[in-house]
PDB file of N, CA and C in Angstrom:
ATOM      1  N   MET A   1      48.912  -6.123 -43.990  1.00  0.00           N
ATOM      2  CA  MET A   1      49.101  -6.601 -45.355  1.00  0.00           C
ATOM      3  C   MET A   1      50.575  -6.903 -45.631  1.00  0.00           C
ATOM      4  N   TRP A   2      51.458  -6.127 -45.036  1.00  0.00           N
ATOM      5  CA  TRP A   2      52.885  -6.378 -45.277  1.00  0.00           C
ATOM      6  C   TRP A   2      53.305  -7.729 -44.718  1.00  0.00           C
ATOM      7  N   GLY A   3      52.664  -8.155 -43.625  1.00  0.00           N
ATOM      8  CA  GLY A   3      52.967  -9.460 -43.038  1.00  0.00           C
ATOM      9  C   GLY A   3      52.579 -10.600 -43.974  1.00  0.00           C
ATOM     10  N   ALA A   4      51.425 -10.451 -44.615  1.00  0.00           N
ATOM     11  CA  ALA A   4      50.971 -11.479 -45.555  1.00  0.00           C
ATOM     12  C   ALA A   4      51.913 -11.565 -46.756  1.00  0.00           C
ATOM     13  N   ARG A   5      52.386 -10.426 -47.230  1.00  0.00           N
ATOM     14  CA  ARG A   5      53.330 -10.425 -48.364  1.00  0.00           C
ATOM     15  C   ARG A   5      54.654 -11.072 -47.963  1.00  0.00           C
ATOM     16  N   LEU A   6      55.109 -10.757 -46.763  1.00  0.00           N
ATOM     17  CA  LEU A   6      56.360 -11.336 -46.272  1.00  0.00           C
ATOM     18  C   LEU A   6      56.237 -12.849 -46.138  1.00  0.00           C
ATOM     19  N   MET A   7      55.126 -13.309 -45.594  1.00  0.00           N
ATOM     20  CA  MET A   7      54.904 -14.750 -45.479  1.00  0.00           C
ATOM     21  C   MET A   7      54.825 -15.409 -46.858  1.00  0.00           C
ATOM     22  N   GLY A   8      54.201 -14.730 -47.821  1.00  0.00           N
ATOM     23  CA  GLY A   8      54.112 -15.261 -49.177  1.00  0.00           C
ATOM     24  C   GLY A   8      55.477 -15.469 -49.796  1.00  0.00           C
ATOM     25  N   VAL A   9      56.365 -14.510 -49.602  1.00  0.00           N
ATOM     26  CA  VAL A   9      57.736 -14.631 -50.124  1.00  0.00           C
ATOM     27  C   VAL A   9      58.444 -15.793 -49.441  1.00  0.00           C
ATOM     28  N   PHE A  10      58.308 -15.884 -48.130  1.00  0.00           N
ATOM     29  CA  PHE A  10      58.942 -16.956 -47.363  1.00  0.00           C
ATOM     30  C   PHE A  10      58.456 -18.325 -47.822  1.00  0.00           C
ATOM     31  N   ILE A  11      57.154 -18.482 -47.945  1.00  0.00           N
ATOM     32  CA  ILE A  11      56.583 -19.765 -48.356  1.00  0.00           C
ATOM     33  C   ILE A  11      56.981 -20.114 -49.783  1.00  0.00           C
ATOM     34  N   GLU A  12      56.993 -19.123 -50.646  1.00  0.00           N
ATOM     35  CA  GLU A  12      57.362 -19.372 -52.044  1.00  0.00           C
ATOM     36  C   GLU A  12      58.801 -19.849 -52.169  1.00  0.00           C
ATOM     37  N   ARG A  13      59.700 -19.297 -51.382  1.00  0.00           N
ATOM     38  CA  ARG A  13      61.121 -19.657 -51.482  1.00  0.00           C
ATOM     39  C   ARG A  13      61.473 -20.914 -50.708  1.00  0.00           C
ATOM     40  N   LEU A  14      60.858 -21.128 -49.561  1.00  0.00           N
ATOM     41  CA  LEU A  14      61.256 -22.241 -48.706  1.00  0.00           C
ATOM     42  C   LEU A  14      60.231 -23.356 -48.605  1.00  0.00           C
ATOM     43  N   GLY A  15      59.016 -23.110 -49.045  1.00  0.00           N
ATOM     44  CA  GLY A  15      57.947 -24.098 -48.910  1.00  0.00           C
ATOM     45  C   GLY A  15      58.041 -25.201 -49.945  1.00  0.00           C
ATOM     46  N   PRO A  16      57.143 -26.174 -49.847  1.00  0.00           N
ATOM     47  CA  PRO A  16      57.151 -27.288 -50.796  1.00  0.00           C
ATOM     48  C   PRO A  16      56.788 -26.831 -52.209  1.00  0.00           C
ATOM     49  N   LYS A  17      57.343 -27.554 -53.191  1.00  0.00           N
ATOM     50  CA  LYS A  17      57.096 -27.215 -54.589  1.00  0.00           C
ATOM     51  C   LYS A  17      56.776 -28.472 -55.380  1.00  0.00           C
ATOM     52  N   GLY A  18      56.073 -28.307 -56.476  1.00  0.00           N
ATOM     53  CA  GLY A  18      55.796 -29.403 -57.392  1.00  0.00           C
ATOM     54  C   GLY A  18      55.033 -30.545 -56.763  1.00  0.00           C
ATOM     55  N   LEU A  19      55.550 -31.752 -56.964  1.00  0.00           N
ATOM     56  CA  LEU A  19      54.892 -32.957 -56.456  1.00  0.00           C
ATOM     57  C   LEU A  19      54.855 -32.957 -54.930  1.00  0.00           C
ATOM     58  N   GLU A  20      55.886 -32.428 -54.305  1.00  0.00           N
ATOM     59  CA  GLU A  20      55.901 -32.333 -52.843  1.00  0.00           C
ATOM     60  C   GLU A  20      54.749 -31.457 -52.357  1.00  0.00           C
ATOM     61  N   TYR A  21      54.487 -30.345 -53.034  1.00  0.00           N
ATOM     62  CA  TYR A  21      53.377 -29.479 -52.655  1.00  0.00           C
ATOM     63  C   TYR A  21      52.037 -30.184 -52.869  1.00  0.00           C
ATOM     64  N   ALA A  22      51.931 -30.935 -53.948  1.00  0.00           N
ATOM     65  CA  ALA A  22      50.685 -31.665 -54.219  1.00  0.00           C
ATOM     66  C   ALA A  22      50.399 -32.674 -53.114  1.00  0.00           C
ATOM     67  N   ARG A  23      51.424 -33.417 -52.693  1.00  0.00           N
ATOM     68  CA  ARG A  23      51.238 -34.386 -51.613  1.00  0.00           C
ATOM     69  C   ARG A  23      50.862 -33.684 -50.310  1.00  0.00           C
ATOM     70  N   PHE A  24      51.544 -32.590 -50.014  1.00  0.00           N
ATOM     71  CA  PHE A  24      51.239 -31.819 -48.813  1.00  0.00           C
ATOM     72  C   PHE A  24      49.794 -31.335 -48.841  1.00  0.00           C
ATOM     73  N   SER A  25      49.360 -30.831 -49.978  1.00  0.00           N
ATOM     74  CA  SER A  25      48.012 -30.297 -50.109  1.00  0.00           C
ATOM     75  C   SER A  25      46.963 -31.390 -49.907  1.00  0.00           C
ATOM     76  N   ILE A  26      47.164 -32.530 -50.524  1.00  0.00           N
ATOM     77  CA  ILE A  26      46.219 -33.638 -50.382  1.00  0.00           C
ATOM     78  C   ILE A  26      46.163 -34.103 -48.929  1.00  0.00           C
ATOM     79  N   ASP A  27      47.343 -34.299 -48.330  1.00  0.00           N
ATOM     80  CA  ASP A  27      47.382 -34.747 -46.929  1.00  0.00           C
ATOM     81  C   ASP A  27      46.685 -33.756 -46.012  1.00  0.00           C
ATOM     82  N   SER A  28      46.929 -32.475 -46.210  1.00  0.00           N
ATOM     83  CA  SER A  28      46.334 -31.482 -45.309  1.00  0.00           C
ATOM     84  C   SER A  28      44.812 -31.419 -45.469  1.00  0.00           C
ATOM     85  N   HIS A  29      44.305 -31.576 -46.689  1.00  0.00           N
ATOM     86  CA  HIS A  29      42.854 -31.557 -46.896  1.00  0.00           C
ATOM     87  C   HIS A  29      42.188 -32.798 -46.292  1.00  0.00           C
ATOM     88  N   PHE A  30      42.787 -33.968 -46.514  1.00  0.00           N
ATOM     89  CA  PHE A  30      42.230 -35.178 -45.908  1.00  0.00           C
ATOM     90  C   PHE A  30      42.231 -35.071 -44.387  1.00  0.00           C
ATOM     91  N   THR A  31      43.326 -34.580 -43.835  1.00  0.00           N
ATOM     92  CA  THR A  31      43.448 -34.464 -42.379  1.00  0.00           C
ATOM     93  C   THR A  31      42.442 -33.464 -41.831  1.00  0.00           C
ATOM     94  N   ARG A  32      42.304 -32.327 -42.480  1.00  0.00           N
ATOM     95  CA  ARG A  32      41.345 -31.313 -42.045  1.00  0.00           C
ATOM     96  C   ARG A  32      39.917 -31.855 -42.060  1.00  0.00           C
ATOM     97  N   ASN A  33      39.541 -32.528 -43.137  1.00  0.00           N
ATOM     98  CA  ASN A  33      38.189 -33.079 -43.252  1.00  0.00           C
ATOM     99  C   ASN A  33      37.953 -34.202 -42.246  1.00  0.00           C
ATOM    100  N   TYR A  34      38.965 -35.048 -42.036  1.00  0.00           N
ATOM    101  CA  TYR A  34      38.853 -36.132 -41.071  1.00  0.00           C
ATOM    102  C   TYR A  34      38.622 -35.575 -39.668  1.00  0.00           C
ATOM    103  N   LEU A  35      39.415 -34.580 -39.277  1.00  0.00           N
ATOM    104  CA  LEU A  35      39.263 -33.992 -37.949  1.00  0.00           C
ATOM    105  C   LEU A  35      37.902 -33.322 -37.781  1.00  0.00           C
ATOM    106  N   TYR A  36      37.421 -32.662 -38.819  1.00  0.00           N
ATOM    107  CA  TYR A  36      36.105 -32.016 -38.744  1.00  0.00           C
ATOM    108  C   TYR A  36      35.015 -33.052 -38.485  1.00  0.00           C
ATOM    109  N   LEU A  37      35.035 -34.126 -39.274  1.00  0.00           N
ATOM    110  CA  LEU A  37      34.031 -35.178 -39.080  1.00  0.00           C
ATOM    111  C   LEU A  37      34.157 -35.814 -37.702  1.00  0.00           C
ATOM    112  N   LYS A  38      35.369 -36.081 -37.277  1.00  0.00           N
ATOM    113  CA  LYS A  38      35.592 -36.725 -35.984  1.00  0.00           C
ATOM    114  C   LYS A  38      35.065 -35.869 -34.840  1.00  0.00           C
ATOM    115  N   ARG A  39      35.221 -34.558 -34.937  1.00  0.00           N
ATOM    116  CA  ARG A  39      34.792 -33.662 -33.869  1.00  0.00           C
ATOM    117  C   ARG A  39      33.296 -33.365 -33.897  1.00  0.00           C
ATOM    118  N   HIS A  40      32.736 -33.213 -35.081  1.00  0.00           N
ATOM    119  CA  HIS A  40      31.350 -32.754 -35.195  1.00  0.00           C
ATOM    120  C   HIS A  40      30.350 -33.869 -35.516  1.00  0.00           C
ATOM    121  N   TYR A  41      30.783 -34.885 -36.241  1.00  0.00           N
ATOM    122  CA  TYR A  41      29.894 -35.971 -36.642  1.00  0.00           C
ATOM    123  C   TYR A  41      30.604 -37.323 -36.522  1.00  0.00           C
ATOM    124  N   PRO A  42      31.006 -37.706 -35.329  1.00  0.00           N
ATOM    125  CA  PRO A  42      31.783 -38.951 -35.193  1.00  0.00           C
ATOM    126  C   PRO A  42      31.026 -40.191 -35.668  1.00  0.00           C
ATOM    127  N   GLU A  43      29.718 -40.158 -35.616  1.00  0.00           N
ATOM    128  CA  GLU A  43      28.943 -41.316 -36.062  1.00  0.00           C
ATOM    129  C   GLU A  43      29.003 -41.501 -37.579  1.00  0.00           C
ATOM    130  N   LYS A  44      29.369 -40.477 -38.317  1.00  0.00           N
ATOM    131  CA  LYS A  44      29.448 -40.562 -39.777  1.00  0.00           C
ATOM    132  C   LYS A  44      30.867 -40.805 -40.285  1.00  0.00           C
ATOM    133  N   LEU A  45      31.823 -40.858 -39.377  1.00  0.00           N
ATOM    134  CA  LEU A  45      33.225 -40.958 -39.760  1.00  0.00           C
ATOM    135  C   LEU A  45      33.511 -42.184 -40.626  1.00  0.00           C
ATOM    136  N   ALA A  46      33.069 -43.333 -40.204  1.00  0.00           N
ATOM    137  CA  ALA A  46      33.351 -44.571 -40.942  1.00  0.00           C
ATOM    138  C   ALA A  46      32.736 -44.564 -42.334  1.00  0.00           C
ATOM    139  N   ALA A  47      31.557 -43.990 -42.470  1.00  0.00           N
ATOM    140  CA  ALA A  47      30.859 -44.001 -43.756  1.00  0.00           C
ATOM    141  C   ALA A  47      31.395 -42.958 -44.734  1.00  0.00           C
ATOM    142  N   HIS A  48      31.992 -41.887 -44.224  1.00  0.00           N
ATOM    143  CA  HIS A  48      32.383 -40.773 -45.088  1.00  0.00           C
ATOM    144  C   HIS A  48      33.879 -40.666 -45.361  1.00  0.00           C
ATOM    145  N   VAL A  49      34.686 -41.462 -44.690  1.00  0.00           N
ATOM    146  CA  VAL A  49      36.130 -41.415 -44.926  1.00  0.00           C
ATOM    147  C   VAL A  49      36.544 -42.719 -45.588  1.00  0.00           C
ATOM    148  N   PRO A  50      37.007 -42.658 -46.845  1.00  0.00           N
ATOM    149  CA  PRO A  50      37.409 -43.882 -47.535  1.00  0.00           C
ATOM    150  C   PRO A  50      38.691 -44.471 -46.930  1.00  0.00           C
ATOM    151  N   GLU A  51      38.938 -45.718 -47.214  1.00  0.00           N
ATOM    152  CA  GLU A  51      40.073 -46.438 -46.633  1.00  0.00           C
ATOM    153  C   GLU A  51      41.411 -45.786 -46.985  1.00  0.00           C
ATOM    154  N   PHE A  52      41.581 -45.326 -48.220  1.00  0.00           N
ATOM    155  CA  PHE A  52      42.853 -44.709 -48.591  1.00  0.00           C
ATOM    156  C   PHE A  52      43.088 -43.415 -47.822  1.00  0.00           C
ATOM    157  N   ALA A  53      42.026 -42.681 -47.512  1.00  0.00           N
ATOM    158  CA  ALA A  53      42.166 -41.458 -46.721  1.00  0.00           C
ATOM    159  C   ALA A  53      42.527 -41.789 -45.275  1.00  0.00           C
ATOM    160  N   LYS A  54      41.979 -42.880 -44.750  1.00  0.00           N
ATOM    161  CA  LYS A  54      42.326 -43.310 -43.393  1.00  0.00           C
ATOM    162  C   LYS A  54      43.802 -43.665 -43.297  1.00  0.00           C
ATOM    163  N   ARG A  55      44.356 -44.290 -44.347  1.00  0.00           N
ATOM    164  CA  ARG A  55      45.779 -44.633 -44.342  1.00  0.00           C
ATOM    165  C   ARG A  55      46.645 -43.373 -44.361  1.00  0.00           C
ATOM    166  N   ILE A  56      46.218 -42.369 -45.099  1.00  0.00           N
ATOM    167  CA  ILE A  56      46.970 -41.107 -45.134  1.00  0.00           C
ATOM    168  C   ILE A  56      46.926 -40.440 -43.768  1.00  0.00           C
ATOM    169  N   VAL A  57      45.746 -40.357 -43.182  1.00  0.00           N
ATOM    170  CA  VAL A  57      45.573 -39.691 -41.884  1.00  0.00           C
ATOM    171  C   VAL A  57      46.312 -40.453 -40.787  1.00  0.00           C
ATOM    172  N   ALA A  58      46.390 -41.773 -40.894  1.00  0.00           N
ATOM    173  CA  ALA A  58      47.039 -42.595 -39.868  1.00  0.00           C
ATOM    174  C   ALA A  58      48.534 -42.302 -39.745  1.00  0.00           C
ATOM    175  N   GLN A  59      49.113 -41.642 -40.726  1.00  0.00           N
ATOM    176  CA  GLN A  59      50.548 -41.321 -40.684  1.00  0.00           C
ATOM    177  C   GLN A  59      50.855 -40.207 -39.679  1.00  0.00           C
ATOM    178  N   TYR A  60      49.853 -39.494 -39.234  1.00  0.00           N
ATOM    179  CA  TYR A  60      50.057 -38.322 -38.390  1.00  0.00           C
ATOM    180  C   TYR A  60      49.527 -38.555 -36.979  1.00  0.00           C
ATOM    181  N   ARG A  61      50.173 -37.931 -36.012  1.00  0.00           N
ATOM    182  CA  ARG A  61      49.694 -37.977 -34.631  1.00  0.00           C
ATOM    183  C   ARG A  61      48.691 -36.840 -34.450  1.00  0.00           C
ATOM    184  N   LEU A  62      47.434 -37.160 -34.502  1.00  0.00           N
ATOM    185  CA  LEU A  62      46.387 -36.157 -34.424  1.00  0.00           C
ATOM    186  C   LEU A  62      45.851 -36.063 -32.995  1.00  0.00           C
ATOM    187  N   PRO A  63      45.366 -34.883 -32.616  1.00  0.00           N
ATOM    188  CA  PRO A  63      44.780 -34.748 -31.281  1.00  0.00           C
ATOM    189  C   PRO A  63      43.487 -35.549 -31.172  1.00  0.00           C
ATOM    190  N   GLU A  64      43.181 -35.957 -29.965  1.00  0.00           N
ATOM    191  CA  GLU A  64      41.947 -36.726 -29.730  1.00  0.00           C
ATOM    192  C   GLU A  64      40.766 -35.856 -29.733  1.00  0.00           C
TER     193      GLU A  64
END
């Protein structure tokens, strides 16, 4: 538990804040969902990922 508290302090002081945190959060959720679909349901990827989400995900070098 002390490790989680220490990480919380570190993230709160040095991590993203405000609009930067919002962008980070959106990007990470889109990326997580995209990777899940790609790995488990690749045939549904095109139908379930909107174009704007594909542009966000395309900014990152993701594993195959």
